[in-house]
Amino acid sequence: MHMGIAQYSRRVRWFMAIAWLVILAKCVLVWWAIGHWNVPFHPLWVVGPTLVFAGLATLLWLAHTPD
């Protein structure tokens, strides 16, 4: 399996970078909000699955080879 971003256009790579920035901003915001408003569960219950599924989607995107 070859994983490389060189096969994608610059525009697609920028989109993926911006998507990751939005995901990370969401995680920081959730972590802050849960602590600020004393929500009775740990922020990793939200942040963990977000990062796992975003990582999985990114790996699938990188591993995809056009036919």
PDB file of N, CA and C in Angstrom:
ATOM      1  N   MET A   1       0.850  -1.169   0.000  1.00  0.00           N
ATOM      2  CA  MET A   1       0.000   0.000   0.000  1.00  0.00           C
ATOM      3  C   MET A   1       0.897   1.234   0.000  1.00  0.00           C
ATOM      4  N   HIS A   2       0.630   2.107  -0.916  1.00  0.00           N
ATOM      5  CA  HIS A   2       1.397   3.344  -1.016  1.00  0.00           C
ATOM      6  C   HIS A   2       0.555   4.493  -0.483  1.00  0.00           C
ATOM      7  N   MET A   3       1.117   5.215   0.482  1.00  0.00           N
ATOM      8  CA  MET A   3       0.414   6.368   1.019  1.00  0.00           C
ATOM      9  C   MET A   3       1.225   7.612   0.704  1.00  0.00           C
ATOM     10  N   GLY A   4       0.659   8.464  -0.102  1.00  0.00           N
ATOM     11  CA  GLY A   4       1.349   9.698  -0.422  1.00  0.00           C
ATOM     12  C   GLY A   4       0.353  10.764  -0.826  1.00  0.00           C
ATOM     13  N   ILE A   5       0.690  11.982  -0.481  1.00  0.00           N
ATOM     14  CA  ILE A   5      -0.219  13.066  -0.831  1.00  0.00           C
ATOM     15  C   ILE A   5       0.148  13.704  -2.151  1.00  0.00           C
ATOM     16  N   ALA A   6       1.250  13.261  -2.741  1.00  0.00           N
ATOM     17  CA  ALA A   6       1.696  13.861  -3.999  1.00  0.00           C
ATOM     18  C   ALA A   6       0.713  13.591  -5.141  1.00  0.00           C
ATOM     19  N   GLN A   7      -0.091  12.549  -5.001  1.00  0.00           N
ATOM     20  CA  GLN A   7      -1.033  12.218  -6.066  1.00  0.00           C
ATOM     21  C   GLN A   7      -2.252  13.143  -6.084  1.00  0.00           C
ATOM     22  N   TYR A   8      -2.395  13.972  -5.060  1.00  0.00           N
ATOM     23  CA  TYR A   8      -3.538  14.872  -4.969  1.00  0.00           C
ATOM     24  C   TYR A   8      -3.121  16.293  -5.334  1.00  0.00           C
ATOM     25  N   SER A   9      -4.064  17.025  -5.854  1.00  0.00           N
ATOM     26  CA  SER A   9      -3.767  18.410  -6.238  1.00  0.00           C
ATOM     27  C   SER A   9      -3.540  19.265  -4.995  1.00  0.00           C
ATOM     28  N   ARG A  10      -2.928  20.388  -5.228  1.00  0.00           N
ATOM     29  CA  ARG A  10      -2.640  21.313  -4.131  1.00  0.00           C
ATOM     30  C   ARG A  10      -3.925  21.776  -3.452  1.00  0.00           C
ATOM     31  N   ARG A  11      -4.952  21.984  -4.232  1.00  0.00           N
ATOM     32  CA  ARG A  11      -6.243  22.431  -3.693  1.00  0.00           C
ATOM     33  C   ARG A  11      -6.840  21.392  -2.734  1.00  0.00           C
ATOM     34  N   VAL A  12      -6.752  20.134  -3.087  1.00  0.00           N
ATOM     35  CA  VAL A  12      -7.275  19.059  -2.237  1.00  0.00           C
ATOM     36  C   VAL A  12      -6.457  18.955  -0.960  1.00  0.00           C
ATOM     37  N   ARG A  13      -5.148  19.105  -1.058  1.00  0.00           N
ATOM     38  CA  ARG A  13      -4.301  19.048   0.140  1.00  0.00           C
ATOM     39  C   ARG A  13      -4.602  20.209   1.082  1.00  0.00           C
ATOM     40  N   TRP A  14      -4.850  21.401   0.536  1.00  0.00           N
ATOM     41  CA  TRP A  14      -5.225  22.547   1.365  1.00  0.00           C
ATOM     42  C   TRP A  14      -6.567  22.304   2.055  1.00  0.00           C
ATOM     43  N   PHE A  15      -7.504  21.702   1.304  1.00  0.00           N
ATOM     44  CA  PHE A  15      -8.810  21.392   1.896  1.00  0.00           C
ATOM     45  C   PHE A  15      -8.640  20.464   3.092  1.00  0.00           C
ATOM     46  N   MET A  16      -7.800  19.437   2.937  1.00  0.00           N
ATOM     47  CA  MET A  16      -7.594  18.486   4.029  1.00  0.00           C
ATOM     48  C   MET A  16      -6.914  19.163   5.223  1.00  0.00           C
ATOM     49  N   ALA A  17      -5.972  20.057   4.964  1.00  0.00           N
ATOM     50  CA  ALA A  17      -5.307  20.780   6.055  1.00  0.00           C
ATOM     51  C   ALA A  17      -6.301  21.667   6.802  1.00  0.00           C
ATOM     52  N   ILE A  18      -7.152  22.356   6.068  1.00  0.00           N
ATOM     53  CA  ILE A  18      -8.158  23.215   6.701  1.00  0.00           C
ATOM     54  C   ILE A  18      -9.168  22.377   7.475  1.00  0.00           C
ATOM     55  N   ALA A  19      -9.545  21.224   6.920  1.00  0.00           N
ATOM     56  CA  ALA A  19     -10.468  20.329   7.629  1.00  0.00           C
ATOM     57  C   ALA A  19      -9.874  19.886   8.959  1.00  0.00           C
ATOM     58  N   TRP A  20      -8.573  19.554   8.975  1.00  0.00           N
ATOM     59  CA  TRP A  20      -7.930  19.153  10.224  1.00  0.00           C
ATOM     60  C   TRP A  20      -7.848  20.313  11.204  1.00  0.00           C
ATOM     61  N   LEU A  21      -7.633  21.514  10.723  1.00  0.00           N
ATOM     62  CA  LEU A  21      -7.617  22.675  11.620  1.00  0.00           C
ATOM     63  C   LEU A  21      -8.987  22.891  12.263  1.00  0.00           C
ATOM     64  N   VAL A  22     -10.040  22.706  11.492  1.00  0.00           N
ATOM     65  CA  VAL A  22     -11.401  22.834  12.032  1.00  0.00           C
ATOM     66  C   VAL A  22     -11.660  21.736  13.070  1.00  0.00           C
ATOM     67  N   ILE A  23     -11.231  20.525  12.786  1.00  0.00           N
ATOM     68  CA  ILE A  23     -11.406  19.414  13.731  1.00  0.00           C
ATOM     69  C   ILE A  23     -10.674  19.710  15.033  1.00  0.00           C
ATOM     70  N   LEU A  24      -9.432  20.171  14.929  1.00  0.00           N
ATOM     71  CA  LEU A  24      -8.657  20.479  16.133  1.00  0.00           C
ATOM     72  C   LEU A  24      -9.258  21.651  16.907  1.00  0.00           C
ATOM     73  N   ALA A  25      -9.761  22.655  16.199  1.00  0.00           N
ATOM     74  CA  ALA A  25     -10.417  23.784  16.869  1.00  0.00           C
ATOM     75  C   ALA A  25     -11.672  23.309  17.610  1.00  0.00           C
ATOM     76  N   LYS A  26     -12.420  22.418  17.002  1.00  0.00           N
ATOM     77  CA  LYS A  26     -13.608  21.856  17.652  1.00  0.00           C
ATOM     78  C   LYS A  26     -13.223  21.106  18.915  1.00  0.00           C
ATOM     79  N   CYS A  27     -12.141  20.338  18.850  1.00  0.00           N
ATOM     80  CA  CYS A  27     -11.706  19.573  20.018  1.00  0.00           C
ATOM     81  C   CYS A  27     -11.290  20.498  21.158  1.00  0.00           C
ATOM     82  N   VAL A  28     -10.568  21.553  20.844  1.00  0.00           N
ATOM     83  CA  VAL A  28     -10.160  22.518  21.868  1.00  0.00           C
ATOM     84  C   VAL A  28     -11.394  23.200  22.462  1.00  0.00           C
ATOM     85  N   LEU A  29     -12.332  23.581  21.620  1.00  0.00           N
ATOM     86  CA  LEU A  29     -13.548  24.241  22.096  1.00  0.00           C
ATOM     87  C   LEU A  29     -14.370  23.317  22.990  1.00  0.00           C
ATOM     88  N   VAL A  30     -14.514  22.070  22.612  1.00  0.00           N
ATOM     89  CA  VAL A  30     -15.267  21.107  23.432  1.00  0.00           C
ATOM     90  C   VAL A  30     -14.573  20.899  24.774  1.00  0.00           C
ATOM     91  N   TRP A  31     -13.248  20.741  24.730  1.00  0.00           N
ATOM     92  CA  TRP A  31     -12.502  20.533  25.986  1.00  0.00           C
ATOM     93  C   TRP A  31     -12.706  21.725  26.926  1.00  0.00           C
ATOM     94  N   TRP A  32     -12.622  22.934  26.377  1.00  0.00           N
ATOM     95  CA  TRP A  32     -12.820  24.132  27.193  1.00  0.00           C
ATOM     96  C   TRP A  32     -14.255  24.202  27.719  1.00  0.00           C
ATOM     97  N   ALA A  33     -15.229  23.963  26.855  1.00  0.00           N
ATOM     98  CA  ALA A  33     -16.638  24.095  27.244  1.00  0.00           C
ATOM     99  C   ALA A  33     -17.020  23.101  28.328  1.00  0.00           C
ATOM    100  N   ILE A  34     -16.536  21.880  28.217  1.00  0.00           N
ATOM    101  CA  ILE A  34     -16.876  20.873  29.225  1.00  0.00           C
ATOM    102  C   ILE A  34     -16.289  21.262  30.583  1.00  0.00           C
ATOM    103  N   GLY A  35     -15.084  21.786  30.577  1.00  0.00           N
ATOM    104  CA  GLY A  35     -14.488  22.243  31.838  1.00  0.00           C
ATOM    105  C   GLY A  35     -15.139  23.508  32.372  1.00  0.00           C
ATOM    106  N   HIS A  36     -15.496  24.405  31.476  1.00  0.00           N
ATOM    107  CA  HIS A  36     -16.069  25.684  31.883  1.00  0.00           C
ATOM    108  C   HIS A  36     -17.463  25.528  32.484  1.00  0.00           C
ATOM    109  N   TRP A  37     -18.291  24.694  31.899  1.00  0.00           N
ATOM    110  CA  TRP A  37     -19.660  24.523  32.369  1.00  0.00           C
ATOM    111  C   TRP A  37     -19.858  23.290  33.241  1.00  0.00           C
ATOM    112  N   ASN A  38     -18.765  22.683  33.690  1.00  0.00           N
ATOM    113  CA  ASN A  38     -18.817  21.544  34.616  1.00  0.00           C
ATOM    114  C   ASN A  38     -19.755  20.437  34.148  1.00  0.00           C
ATOM    115  N   VAL A  39     -19.602  20.028  32.922  1.00  0.00           N
ATOM    116  CA  VAL A  39     -20.382  18.910  32.384  1.00  0.00           C
ATOM    117  C   VAL A  39     -19.864  17.640  33.044  1.00  0.00           C
ATOM    118  N   PRO A  40     -20.756  16.727  33.461  1.00  0.00           N
ATOM    119  CA  PRO A  40     -20.328  15.587  34.284  1.00  0.00           C
ATOM    120  C   PRO A  40     -19.705  14.412  33.521  1.00  0.00           C
ATOM    121  N   PHE A  41     -18.950  14.665  32.475  1.00  0.00           N
ATOM    122  CA  PHE A  41     -18.176  13.594  31.844  1.00  0.00           C
ATOM    123  C   PHE A  41     -16.877  14.175  31.297  1.00  0.00           C
ATOM    124  N   HIS A  42     -15.944  13.293  31.053  1.00  0.00           N
ATOM    125  CA  HIS A  42     -14.617  13.717  30.612  1.00  0.00           C
ATOM    126  C   HIS A  42     -14.645  14.127  29.140  1.00  0.00           C
ATOM    127  N   PRO A  43     -13.918  15.167  28.766  1.00  0.00           N
ATOM    128  CA  PRO A  43     -13.913  15.640  27.375  1.00  0.00           C
ATOM    129  C   PRO A  43     -13.439  14.601  26.364  1.00  0.00           C
ATOM    130  N   LEU A  44     -12.657  13.627  26.808  1.00  0.00           N
ATOM    131  CA  LEU A  44     -12.183  12.608  25.868  1.00  0.00           C
ATOM    132  C   LEU A  44     -13.314  11.752  25.297  1.00  0.00           C
ATOM    133  N   TRP A  45     -14.471  11.741  25.953  1.00  0.00           N
ATOM    134  CA  TRP A  45     -15.613  11.004  25.409  1.00  0.00           C
ATOM    135  C   TRP A  45     -16.095  11.633  24.104  1.00  0.00           C
ATOM    136  N   VAL A  46     -15.811  12.901  23.900  1.00  0.00           N
ATOM    137  CA  VAL A  46     -16.176  13.595  22.660  1.00  0.00           C
ATOM    138  C   VAL A  46     -14.957  13.734  21.752  1.00  0.00           C
ATOM    139  N   VAL A  47     -13.849  14.162  22.334  1.00  0.00           N
ATOM    140  CA  VAL A  47     -12.647  14.440  21.553  1.00  0.00           C
ATOM    141  C   VAL A  47     -12.026  13.158  21.009  1.00  0.00           C
ATOM    142  N   GLY A  48     -12.011  12.108  21.811  1.00  0.00           N
ATOM    143  CA  GLY A  48     -11.397  10.843  21.394  1.00  0.00           C
ATOM    144  C   GLY A  48     -11.991  10.279  20.111  1.00  0.00           C
ATOM    145  N   PRO A  49     -13.305  10.020  20.082  1.00  0.00           N
ATOM    146  CA  PRO A  49     -13.900   9.497  18.856  1.00  0.00           C
ATOM    147  C   PRO A  49     -13.756  10.451  17.663  1.00  0.00           C
ATOM    148  N   THR A  50     -13.795  11.747  17.922  1.00  0.00           N
ATOM    149  CA  THR A  50     -13.618  12.714  16.839  1.00  0.00           C
ATOM    150  C   THR A  50     -12.267  12.524  16.175  1.00  0.00           C
ATOM    151  N   LEU A  51     -11.215  12.435  16.983  1.00  0.00           N
ATOM    152  CA  LEU A  51      -9.868  12.282  16.434  1.00  0.00           C
ATOM    153  C   LEU A  51      -9.656  10.908  15.800  1.00  0.00           C
ATOM    154  N   VAL A  52     -10.232   9.876  16.401  1.00  0.00           N
ATOM    155  CA  VAL A  52     -10.086   8.525  15.839  1.00  0.00           C
ATOM    156  C   VAL A  52     -10.742   8.439  14.468  1.00  0.00           C
ATOM    157  N   PHE A  53     -11.966   8.894  14.349  1.00  0.00           N
ATOM    158  CA  PHE A  53     -12.661   8.801  13.064  1.00  0.00           C
ATOM    159  C   PHE A  53     -12.088   9.755  12.018  1.00  0.00           C
ATOM    160  N   ALA A  54     -11.622  10.915  12.448  1.00  0.00           N
ATOM    161  CA  ALA A  54     -10.965  11.827  11.507  1.00  0.00           C
ATOM    162  C   ALA A  54      -9.657  11.220  11.014  1.00  0.00           C
ATOM    163  N   GLY A  55      -8.920  10.592  11.917  1.00  0.00           N
ATOM    164  CA  GLY A  55      -7.689   9.915  11.521  1.00  0.00           C
ATOM    165  C   GLY A  55      -7.952   8.758  10.577  1.00  0.00           C
ATOM    166  N   LEU A  56      -8.987   7.984  10.859  1.00  0.00           N
ATOM    167  CA  LEU A  56      -9.351   6.870   9.987  1.00  0.00           C
ATOM    168  C   LEU A  56      -9.753   7.367   8.601  1.00  0.00           C
ATOM    169  N   ALA A  57     -10.550   8.412   8.565  1.00  0.00           N
ATOM    170  CA  ALA A  57     -10.956   8.982   7.271  1.00  0.00           C
ATOM    171  C   ALA A  57      -9.746   9.502   6.499  1.00  0.00           C
ATOM    172  N   THR A  58      -8.797  10.110   7.206  1.00  0.00           N
ATOM    173  CA  THR A  58      -7.593  10.611   6.548  1.00  0.00           C
ATOM    174  C   THR A  58      -6.747   9.461   6.010  1.00  0.00           C
ATOM    175  N   LEU A  59      -6.607   8.391   6.795  1.00  0.00           N
ATOM    176  CA  LEU A  59      -5.853   7.231   6.319  1.00  0.00           C
ATOM    177  C   LEU A  59      -6.506   6.597   5.099  1.00  0.00           C
ATOM    178  N   LEU A  60      -7.816   6.499   5.107  1.00  0.00           N
ATOM    179  CA  LEU A  60      -8.517   5.958   3.945  1.00  0.00           C
ATOM    180  C   LEU A  60      -8.326   6.859   2.730  1.00  0.00           C
ATOM    181  N   TRP A  61      -8.330   8.153   2.952  1.00  0.00           N
ATOM    182  CA  TRP A  61      -8.115   9.115   1.858  1.00  0.00           C
ATOM    183  C   TRP A  61      -6.707   8.975   1.302  1.00  0.00           C
ATOM    184  N   LEU A  62      -5.717   8.841   2.193  1.00  0.00           N
ATOM    185  CA  LEU A  62      -4.335   8.709   1.742  1.00  0.00           C
ATOM    186  C   LEU A  62      -4.074   7.384   1.036  1.00  0.00           C
ATOM    187  N   ALA A  63      -4.745   6.319   1.483  1.00  0.00           N
ATOM    188  CA  ALA A  63      -4.518   5.000   0.915  1.00  0.00           C
ATOM    189  C   ALA A  63      -5.266   4.786  -0.400  1.00  0.00           C
ATOM    190  N   HIS A  64      -6.199   5.663  -0.707  1.00  0.00           N
ATOM    191  CA  HIS A  64      -6.986   5.523  -1.919  1.00  0.00           C
ATOM    192  C   HIS A  64      -6.097   5.714  -3.149  1.00  0.00           C
ATOM    193  N   THR A  65      -6.225   4.812  -4.093  1.00  0.00           N
ATOM    194  CA  THR A  65      -5.501   4.957  -5.354  1.00  0.00           C
ATOM    195  C   THR A  65      -6.511   5.032  -6.499  1.00  0.00           C
ATOM    196  N   PRO A  66      -6.398   6.041  -7.305  1.00  0.00           N
ATOM    197  CA  PRO A  66      -7.338   6.150  -8.435  1.00  0.00           C
ATOM    198  C   PRO A  66      -7.106   5.033  -9.444  1.00  0.00           C
ATOM    199  N   ASP A  67      -8.176   4.518  -9.987  1.00  0.00           N
ATOM    200  CA  ASP A  67      -8.057   3.420 -10.963  1.00  0.00           C
ATOM    201  C   ASP A  67      -7.696   3.906 -12.327  1.00  0.00           C
TER     202      ASP A  67
END
